[in-house]
Amino acid sequence: MNKTELIDHMATKADISKAAAARALDAMIVGVKTTLKKGGSVTLVGFGTFAVSTRAARTGRNPRTGEAIKIKKAKVPKFRPGKALKEAVN
């Protein structure tokens, strides 16, 4: 499912226009991004938790030359599914 299909699904299930569903989805995405950028986490009970994790600096290899390169530490977004989502999938 892509973003357009998700908007269509939201509009149908919530009995709202596609434009309203698109605005709602965009607002949710912006809210999650803003919270993660500030270092917080977003928990949706029954669905899961979006959080930021720090990946340590490490040494990697250039696949073309085999030369060792340094990879800087980085903040990466993570999603941890909730119990209800895990049960729904299984």
PDB file of N, CA and C in Angstrom:
ATOM      1  N   MET A   1       0.845  -1.178   0.000  1.00  0.00           N
ATOM      2  CA  MET A   1       0.000   0.000   0.000  1.00  0.00           C
ATOM      3  C   MET A   1       0.889   1.239   0.000  1.00  0.00           C
ATOM      4  N   ASN A   2       0.609   2.164  -0.897  1.00  0.00           N
ATOM      5  CA  ASN A   2       1.370   3.405  -0.918  1.00  0.00           C
ATOM      6  C   ASN A   2       0.544   4.524  -0.260  1.00  0.00           C
ATOM      7  N   LYS A   3       1.082   5.736  -0.266  1.00  0.00           N
ATOM      8  CA  LYS A   3       0.430   6.839   0.426  1.00  0.00           C
ATOM      9  C   LYS A   3      -0.954   7.141  -0.151  1.00  0.00           C
ATOM     10  N   THR A   4      -1.081   7.130  -1.471  1.00  0.00           N
ATOM     11  CA  THR A   4      -2.369   7.411  -2.108  1.00  0.00           C
ATOM     12  C   THR A   4      -3.413   6.373  -1.730  1.00  0.00           C
ATOM     13  N   GLU A   5      -3.011   5.116  -1.732  1.00  0.00           N
ATOM     14  CA  GLU A   5      -3.934   4.048  -1.347  1.00  0.00           C
ATOM     15  C   GLU A   5      -4.327   4.165   0.125  1.00  0.00           C
ATOM     16  N   LEU A   6      -3.387   4.558   0.967  1.00  0.00           N
ATOM     17  CA  LEU A   6      -3.683   4.745   2.387  1.00  0.00           C
ATOM     18  C   LEU A   6      -4.670   5.894   2.581  1.00  0.00           C
ATOM     19  N   ILE A   7      -4.493   6.975   1.851  1.00  0.00           N
ATOM     20  CA  ILE A   7      -5.430   8.110   1.934  1.00  0.00           C
ATOM     21  C   ILE A   7      -6.825   7.675   1.492  1.00  0.00           C
ATOM     22  N   ASP A   8      -6.914   6.924   0.410  1.00  0.00           N
ATOM     23  CA  ASP A   8      -8.205   6.411  -0.052  1.00  0.00           C
ATOM     24  C   ASP A   8      -8.861   5.541   1.021  1.00  0.00           C
ATOM     25  N   HIS A   9      -8.080   4.673   1.624  1.00  0.00           N
ATOM     26  CA  HIS A   9      -8.592   3.784   2.672  1.00  0.00           C
ATOM     27  C   HIS A   9      -9.084   4.590   3.875  1.00  0.00           C
ATOM     28  N   MET A  10      -8.282   5.582   4.301  1.00  0.00           N
ATOM     29  CA  MET A  10      -8.670   6.418   5.441  1.00  0.00           C
ATOM     30  C   MET A  10      -9.961   7.173   5.147  1.00  0.00           C
ATOM     31  N   ALA A  11     -10.079   7.724   3.947  1.00  0.00           N
ATOM     32  CA  ALA A  11     -11.271   8.481   3.567  1.00  0.00           C
ATOM     33  C   ALA A  11     -12.518   7.595   3.600  1.00  0.00           C
ATOM     34  N   THR A  12     -12.380   6.377   3.104  1.00  0.00           N
ATOM     35  CA  THR A  12     -13.514   5.449   3.080  1.00  0.00           C
ATOM     36  C   THR A  12     -13.915   5.023   4.493  1.00  0.00           C
ATOM     37  N   LYS A  13     -12.941   4.606   5.292  1.00  0.00           N
ATOM     38  CA  LYS A  13     -13.229   4.105   6.636  1.00  0.00           C
ATOM     39  C   LYS A  13     -13.736   5.196   7.578  1.00  0.00           C
ATOM     40  N   ALA A  14     -13.215   6.419   7.450  1.00  0.00           N
ATOM     41  CA  ALA A  14     -13.607   7.512   8.340  1.00  0.00           C
ATOM     42  C   ALA A  14     -14.766   8.327   7.778  1.00  0.00           C
ATOM     43  N   ASP A  15     -15.216   7.989   6.560  1.00  0.00           N
ATOM     44  CA  ASP A  15     -16.297   8.706   5.895  1.00  0.00           C
ATOM     45  C   ASP A  15     -16.003  10.210   5.812  1.00  0.00           C
ATOM     46  N   ILE A  16     -14.782  10.509   5.326  1.00  0.00           N
ATOM     47  CA  ILE A  16     -14.360  11.895   5.115  1.00  0.00           C
ATOM     48  C   ILE A  16     -13.850  12.029   3.685  1.00  0.00           C
ATOM     49  N   SER A  17     -13.616  13.254   3.266  1.00  0.00           N
ATOM     50  CA  SER A  17     -13.109  13.458   1.909  1.00  0.00           C
ATOM     51  C   SER A  17     -11.651  13.023   1.816  1.00  0.00           C
ATOM     52  N   LYS A  18     -11.213  12.773   0.592  1.00  0.00           N
ATOM     53  CA  LYS A  18      -9.811  12.396   0.382  1.00  0.00           C
ATOM     54  C   LYS A  18      -8.888  13.534   0.779  1.00  0.00           C
ATOM     55  N   ALA A  19      -9.314  14.778   0.544  1.00  0.00           N
ATOM     56  CA  ALA A  19      -8.503  15.938   0.914  1.00  0.00           C
ATOM     57  C   ALA A  19      -8.315  16.008   2.427  1.00  0.00           C
ATOM     58  N   ALA A  20      -9.387  15.749   3.178  1.00  0.00           N
ATOM     59  CA  ALA A  20      -9.296  15.764   4.644  1.00  0.00           C
ATOM     60  C   ALA A  20      -8.415  14.621   5.137  1.00  0.00           C
ATOM     61  N   ALA A  21      -8.537  13.462   4.507  1.00  0.00           N
ATOM     62  CA  ALA A  21      -7.704  12.319   4.886  1.00  0.00           C
ATOM     63  C   ALA A  21      -6.236  12.617   4.600  1.00  0.00           C
ATOM     64  N   ALA A  22      -5.963  13.260   3.462  1.00  0.00           N
ATOM     65  CA  ALA A  22      -4.580  13.611   3.107  1.00  0.00           C
ATOM     66  C   ALA A  22      -4.013  14.601   4.118  1.00  0.00           C
ATOM     67  N   ARG A  23      -4.805  15.592   4.506  1.00  0.00           N
ATOM     68  CA  ARG A  23      -4.336  16.572   5.508  1.00  0.00           C
ATOM     69  C   ARG A  23      -4.075  15.888   6.849  1.00  0.00           C
ATOM     70  N   ALA A  24      -4.950  14.969   7.237  1.00  0.00           N
ATOM     71  CA  ALA A  24      -4.779  14.258   8.506  1.00  0.00           C
ATOM     72  C   ALA A  24      -3.513  13.407   8.489  1.00  0.00           C
ATOM     73  N   LEU A  25      -3.292  12.701   7.394  1.00  0.00           N
ATOM     74  CA  LEU A  25      -2.096  11.860   7.287  1.00  0.00           C
ATOM     75  C   LEU A  25      -0.830  12.712   7.294  1.00  0.00           C
ATOM     76  N   ASP A  26      -0.846  13.807   6.532  1.00  0.00           N
ATOM     77  CA  ASP A  26       0.313  14.701   6.500  1.00  0.00           C
ATOM     78  C   ASP A  26       0.588  15.302   7.883  1.00  0.00           C
ATOM     79  N   ALA A  27      -0.473  15.683   8.610  1.00  0.00           N
ATOM     80  CA  ALA A  27      -0.306  16.237   9.951  1.00  0.00           C
ATOM     81  C   ALA A  27       0.299  15.204  10.900  1.00  0.00           C
ATOM     82  N   MET A  28      -0.128  13.948  10.764  1.00  0.00           N
ATOM     83  CA  MET A  28       0.423  12.888  11.613  1.00  0.00           C
ATOM     84  C   MET A  28       1.905  12.671  11.319  1.00  0.00           C
ATOM     85  N   ILE A  29       2.255  12.642  10.043  1.00  0.00           N
ATOM     86  CA  ILE A  29       3.646  12.427   9.649  1.00  0.00           C
ATOM     87  C   ILE A  29       4.521  13.576  10.155  1.00  0.00           C
ATOM     88  N   VAL A  30       4.053  14.807  10.003  1.00  0.00           N
ATOM     89  CA  VAL A  30       4.814  15.969  10.482  1.00  0.00           C
ATOM     90  C   VAL A  30       4.964  15.911  11.998  1.00  0.00           C
ATOM     91  N   GLY A  31       3.902  15.516  12.695  1.00  0.00           N
ATOM     92  CA  GLY A  31       3.965  15.404  14.154  1.00  0.00           C
ATOM     93  C   GLY A  31       4.989  14.380  14.615  1.00  0.00           C
ATOM     94  N   VAL A  32       5.024  13.236  13.949  1.00  0.00           N
ATOM     95  CA  VAL A  32       5.993  12.187  14.304  1.00  0.00           C
ATOM     96  C   VAL A  32       7.411  12.677  14.014  1.00  0.00           C
ATOM     97  N   LYS A  33       7.631  13.283  12.830  1.00  0.00           N
ATOM     98  CA  LYS A  33       8.962  13.796  12.478  1.00  0.00           C
ATOM     99  C   LYS A  33       9.450  14.831  13.483  1.00  0.00           C
ATOM    100  N   THR A  34       8.573  15.769  13.842  1.00  0.00           N
ATOM    101  CA  THR A  34       8.946  16.836  14.768  1.00  0.00           C
ATOM    102  C   THR A  34       9.324  16.271  16.134  1.00  0.00           C
ATOM    103  N   THR A  35       8.533  15.337  16.615  1.00  0.00           N
ATOM    104  CA  THR A  35       8.813  14.734  17.922  1.00  0.00           C
ATOM    105  C   THR A  35      10.124  13.959  17.902  1.00  0.00           C
ATOM    106  N   LEU A  36      10.365  13.184  16.851  1.00  0.00           N
ATOM    107  CA  LEU A  36      11.607  12.412  16.756  1.00  0.00           C
ATOM    108  C   LEU A  36      12.814  13.333  16.627  1.00  0.00           C
ATOM    109  N   LYS A  37      12.658  14.437  15.906  1.00  0.00           N
ATOM    110  CA  LYS A  37      13.759  15.384  15.734  1.00  0.00           C
ATOM    111  C   LYS A  37      14.165  15.996  17.066  1.00  0.00           C
ATOM    112  N   LYS A  38      13.188  16.172  17.963  1.00  0.00           N
ATOM    113  CA  LYS A  38      13.455  16.725  19.292  1.00  0.00           C
ATOM    114  C   LYS A  38      13.990  15.666  20.260  1.00  0.00           C
ATOM    115  N   GLY A  39      14.069  14.420  19.792  1.00  0.00           N
ATOM    116  CA  GLY A  39      14.602  13.352  20.630  1.00  0.00           C
ATOM    117  C   GLY A  39      13.549  12.580  21.392  1.00  0.00           C
ATOM    118  N   GLY A  40      12.279  12.871  21.165  1.00  0.00           N
ATOM    119  CA  GLY A  40      11.202  12.183  21.854  1.00  0.00           C
ATOM    120  C   GLY A  40      10.789  10.913  21.145  1.00  0.00           C
ATOM    121  N   SER A  41       9.702  10.321  21.626  1.00  0.00           N
ATOM    122  CA  SER A  41       9.156   9.132  20.993  1.00  0.00           C
ATOM    123  C   SER A  41       7.648   9.295  20.879  1.00  0.00           C
ATOM    124  N   VAL A  42       7.048   8.578  19.949  1.00  0.00           N
ATOM    125  CA  VAL A  42       5.605   8.620  19.732  1.00  0.00           C
ATOM    126  C   VAL A  42       5.071   7.211  19.929  1.00  0.00           C
ATOM    127  N   THR A  43       4.166   7.055  20.903  1.00  0.00           N
ATOM    128  CA  THR A  43       3.588   5.751  21.186  1.00  0.00           C
ATOM    129  C   THR A  43       2.115   5.755  20.825  1.00  0.00           C
ATOM    130  N   LEU A  44       1.719   4.835  19.971  1.00  0.00           N
ATOM    131  CA  LEU A  44       0.321   4.631  19.620  1.00  0.00           C
ATOM    132  C   LEU A  44      -0.066   3.276  20.197  1.00  0.00           C
ATOM    133  N   VAL A  45      -0.806   3.298  21.295  1.00  0.00           N
ATOM    134  CA  VAL A  45      -1.145   2.073  22.011  1.00  0.00           C
ATOM    135  C   VAL A  45      -1.840   1.095  21.068  1.00  0.00           C
ATOM    136  N   GLY A  46      -1.362  -0.126  21.060  1.00  0.00           N
ATOM    137  CA  GLY A  46      -1.913  -1.161  20.202  1.00  0.00           C
ATOM    138  C   GLY A  46      -1.290  -1.186  18.816  1.00  0.00           C
ATOM    139  N   PHE A  47      -0.596  -0.118  18.430  1.00  0.00           N
ATOM    140  CA  PHE A  47       0.034  -0.068  17.107  1.00  0.00           C
ATOM    141  C   PHE A  47       1.535  -0.199  17.229  1.00  0.00           C
ATOM    142  N   GLY A  48       2.184   0.715  17.967  1.00  0.00           N
ATOM    143  CA  GLY A  48       3.626   0.634  18.131  1.00  0.00           C
ATOM    144  C   GLY A  48       4.229   1.948  18.580  1.00  0.00           C
ATOM    145  N   THR A  49       5.550   1.972  18.628  1.00  0.00           N
ATOM    146  CA  THR A  49       6.287   3.134  19.094  1.00  0.00           C
ATOM    147  C   THR A  49       7.341   3.536  18.085  1.00  0.00           C
ATOM    148  N   PHE A  50       7.351   4.822  17.746  1.00  0.00           N
ATOM    149  CA  PHE A  50       8.390   5.409  16.918  1.00  0.00           C
ATOM    150  C   PHE A  50       9.384   6.063  17.865  1.00  0.00           C
ATOM    151  N   ALA A  51      10.675   5.785  17.705  1.00  0.00           N
ATOM    152  CA  ALA A  51      11.699   6.351  18.576  1.00  0.00           C
ATOM    153  C   ALA A  51      12.975   6.584  17.773  1.00  0.00           C
ATOM    154  N   VAL A  52      13.908   7.313  18.386  1.00  0.00           N
ATOM    155  CA  VAL A  52      15.200   7.582  17.756  1.00  0.00           C
ATOM    156  C   VAL A  52      16.256   6.782  18.495  1.00  0.00           C
ATOM    157  N   SER A  53      17.139   6.153  17.738  1.00  0.00           N
ATOM    158  CA  SER A  53      18.238   5.383  18.296  1.00  0.00           C
ATOM    159  C   SER A  53      19.535   5.931  17.717  1.00  0.00           C
ATOM    160  N   THR A  54      20.615   5.820  18.464  1.00  0.00           N
ATOM    161  CA  THR A  54      21.908   6.277  17.981  1.00  0.00           C
ATOM    162  C   THR A  54      22.720   5.077  17.529  1.00  0.00           C
ATOM    163  N   ARG A  55      23.181   5.133  16.289  1.00  0.00           N
ATOM    164  CA  ARG A  55      24.026   4.079  15.746  1.00  0.00           C
ATOM    165  C   ARG A  55      25.468   4.530  15.937  1.00  0.00           C
ATOM    166  N   ALA A  56      26.286   3.709  16.538  1.00  0.00           N
ATOM    167  CA  ALA A  56      27.668   4.054  16.865  1.00  0.00           C
ATOM    168  C   ALA A  56      28.527   4.217  15.611  1.00  0.00           C
ATOM    169  N   ALA A  57      29.580   4.989  15.761  1.00  0.00           N
ATOM    170  CA  ALA A  57      30.555   5.120  14.664  1.00  0.00           C
ATOM    171  C   ALA A  57      31.223   3.763  14.457  1.00  0.00           C
ATOM    172  N   ARG A  58      31.577   3.492  13.220  1.00  0.00           N
ATOM    173  CA  ARG A  58      32.194   2.199  12.940  1.00  0.00           C
ATOM    174  C   ARG A  58      33.059   2.298  11.691  1.00  0.00           C
ATOM    175  N   THR A  59      33.818   1.246  11.441  1.00  0.00           N
ATOM    176  CA  THR A  59      34.648   1.175  10.248  1.00  0.00           C
ATOM    177  C   THR A  59      33.955   0.285   9.232  1.00  0.00           C
ATOM    178  N   GLY A  60      33.842   0.794   8.014  1.00  0.00           N
ATOM    179  CA  GLY A  60      33.231   0.018   6.939  1.00  0.00           C
ATOM    180  C   GLY A  60      34.225  -0.197   5.817  1.00  0.00           C
ATOM    181  N   ARG A  61      33.767  -0.761   4.738  1.00  0.00           N
ATOM    182  CA  ARG A  61      34.630  -1.014   3.581  1.00  0.00           C
ATOM    183  C   ARG A  61      33.976  -0.445   2.332  1.00  0.00           C
ATOM    184  N   ASN A  62      34.787   0.173   1.477  1.00  0.00           N
ATOM    185  CA  ASN A  62      34.331   0.606   0.170  1.00  0.00           C
ATOM    186  C   ASN A  62      34.197  -0.655  -0.673  1.00  0.00           C
ATOM    187  N   PRO A  63      32.992  -0.966  -1.171  1.00  0.00           N
ATOM    188  CA  PRO A  63      32.815  -2.220  -1.909  1.00  0.00           C
ATOM    189  C   PRO A  63      33.608  -2.301  -3.214  1.00  0.00           C
ATOM    190  N   ARG A  64      33.935  -1.181  -3.803  1.00  0.00           N
ATOM    191  CA  ARG A  64      34.686  -1.199  -5.065  1.00  0.00           C
ATOM    192  C   ARG A  64      36.173  -1.446  -4.846  1.00  0.00           C
ATOM    193  N   THR A  65      36.740  -0.777  -3.821  1.00  0.00           N
ATOM    194  CA  THR A  65      38.193  -0.853  -3.636  1.00  0.00           C
ATOM    195  C   THR A  65      38.603  -1.725  -2.460  1.00  0.00           C
ATOM    196  N   GLY A  66      37.658  -1.989  -1.542  1.00  0.00           N
ATOM    197  CA  GLY A  66      38.011  -2.754  -0.350  1.00  0.00           C
ATOM    198  C   GLY A  66      38.687  -1.890   0.704  1.00  0.00           C
ATOM    199  N   GLU A  67      38.831  -0.597   0.420  1.00  0.00           N
ATOM    200  CA  GLU A  67      39.491   0.330   1.334  1.00  0.00           C
ATOM    201  C   GLU A  67      38.620   0.564   2.574  1.00  0.00           C
ATOM    202  N   ALA A  68      39.246   0.609   3.748  1.00  0.00           N
ATOM    203  CA  ALA A  68      38.537   0.870   4.997  1.00  0.00           C
ATOM    204  C   ALA A  68      38.135   2.342   5.040  1.00  0.00           C
ATOM    205  N   ILE A  69      36.879   2.587   5.463  1.00  0.00           N
ATOM    206  CA  ILE A  69      36.408   3.961   5.613  1.00  0.00           C
ATOM    207  C   ILE A  69      35.738   4.109   6.969  1.00  0.00           C
ATOM    208  N   LYS A  70      35.742   5.328   7.485  1.00  0.00           N
ATOM    209  CA  LYS A  70      35.104   5.594   8.767  1.00  0.00           C
ATOM    210  C   LYS A  70      33.669   6.042   8.509  1.00  0.00           C
ATOM    211  N   ILE A  71      32.744   5.440   9.232  1.00  0.00           N
ATOM    212  CA  ILE A  71      31.335   5.812   9.142  1.00  0.00           C
ATOM    213  C   ILE A  71      30.982   6.513  10.451  1.00  0.00           C
ATOM    214  N   LYS A  72      30.486   7.734  10.339  1.00  0.00           N
ATOM    215  CA  LYS A  72      30.164   8.538  11.522  1.00  0.00           C
ATOM    216  C   LYS A  72      28.973   7.953  12.272  1.00  0.00           C
ATOM    217  N   LYS A  73      28.875   8.299  13.560  1.00  0.00           N
ATOM    218  CA  LYS A  73      27.696   7.883  14.309  1.00  0.00           C
ATOM    219  C   LYS A  73      26.503   8.644  13.747  1.00  0.00           C
ATOM    220  N   ALA A  74      25.326   8.055  13.876  1.00  0.00           N
ATOM    221  CA  ALA A  74      24.133   8.661  13.300  1.00  0.00           C
ATOM    222  C   ALA A  74      22.913   8.352  14.148  1.00  0.00           C
ATOM    223  N   LYS A  75      21.955   9.259  14.108  1.00  0.00           N
ATOM    224  CA  LYS A  75      20.662   9.026  14.737  1.00  0.00           C
ATOM    225  C   LYS A  75      19.768   8.401  13.671  1.00  0.00           C
ATOM    226  N   VAL A  76      19.094   7.322  14.028  1.00  0.00           N
ATOM    227  CA  VAL A  76      18.222   6.640  13.074  1.00  0.00           C
ATOM    228  C   VAL A  76      16.837   6.419  13.694  1.00  0.00           C
ATOM    229  N   PRO A  77      15.777   6.616  12.905  1.00  0.00           N
ATOM    230  CA  PRO A  77      14.439   6.344  13.418  1.00  0.00           C
ATOM    231  C   PRO A  77      14.187   4.841  13.473  1.00  0.00           C
ATOM    232  N   LYS A  78      13.461   4.427  14.500  1.00  0.00           N
ATOM    233  CA  LYS A  78      13.126   3.008  14.659  1.00  0.00           C
ATOM    234  C   LYS A  78      11.638   2.891  14.958  1.00  0.00           C
ATOM    235  N   PHE A  79      11.064   1.768  14.580  1.00  0.00           N
ATOM    236  CA  PHE A  79       9.669   1.468  14.899  1.00  0.00           C
ATOM    237  C   PHE A  79       9.622   0.133  15.605  1.00  0.00           C
ATOM    238  N   ARG A  80       8.954   0.120  16.746  1.00  0.00           N
ATOM    239  CA  ARG A  80       8.782  -1.120  17.500  1.00  0.00           C
ATOM    240  C   ARG A  80       7.286  -1.425  17.533  1.00  0.00           C
ATOM    241  N   PRO A  81       6.848  -2.493  16.886  1.00  0.00           N
ATOM    242  CA  PRO A  81       5.412  -2.786  16.832  1.00  0.00           C
ATOM    243  C   PRO A  81       4.846  -3.156  18.200  1.00  0.00           C
ATOM    244  N   GLY A  82       3.584  -2.794  18.416  1.00  0.00           N
ATOM    245  CA  GLY A  82       2.893  -3.126  19.650  1.00  0.00           C
ATOM    246  C   GLY A  82       2.328  -4.538  19.614  1.00  0.00           C
ATOM    247  N   LYS A  83       1.876  -4.986  20.769  1.00  0.00           N
ATOM    248  CA  LYS A  83       1.370  -6.355  20.903  1.00  0.00           C
ATOM    249  C   LYS A  83       0.167  -6.608  19.984  1.00  0.00           C
ATOM    250  N   ALA A  84      -0.760  -5.660  19.931  1.00  0.00           N
ATOM    251  CA  ALA A  84      -1.969  -5.855  19.110  1.00  0.00           C
ATOM    252  C   ALA A  84      -1.625  -5.945  17.628  1.00  0.00           C
ATOM    253  N   LEU A  85      -0.645  -5.156  17.166  1.00  0.00           N
ATOM    254  CA  LEU A  85      -0.236  -5.206  15.765  1.00  0.00           C
ATOM    255  C   LEU A  85       0.431  -6.549  15.452  1.00  0.00           C
ATOM    256  N   LYS A  86       1.287  -7.009  16.362  1.00  0.00           N
ATOM    257  CA  LYS A  86       1.935  -8.309  16.167  1.00  0.00           C
ATOM    258  C   LYS A  86       0.896  -9.427  16.072  1.00  0.00           C
ATOM    259  N   GLU A  87      -0.106  -9.390  16.959  1.00  0.00           N
ATOM    260  CA  GLU A  87      -1.132 -10.419  16.958  1.00  0.00           C
ATOM    261  C   GLU A  87      -1.992 -10.351  15.694  1.00  0.00           C
ATOM    262  N   ALA A  88      -2.261  -9.129  15.200  1.00  0.00           N
ATOM    263  CA  ALA A  88      -3.082  -8.974  13.993  1.00  0.00           C
ATOM    264  C   ALA A  88      -2.372  -9.543  12.774  1.00  0.00           C
ATOM    265  N   VAL A  89      -1.054  -9.406  12.726  1.00  0.00           N
ATOM    266  CA  VAL A  89      -0.272  -9.902  11.595  1.00  0.00           C
ATOM    267  C   VAL A  89      -0.159 -11.423  11.645  1.00  0.00           C
ATOM    268  N   ASN A  90      -0.038 -11.951  12.836  1.00  0.00           N
ATOM    269  CA  ASN A  90       0.087 -13.412  12.986  1.00  0.00           C
ATOM    270  C   ASN A  90      -1.287 -13.992  13.153  1.00  0.00           C
TER     271      ASN A  90
END
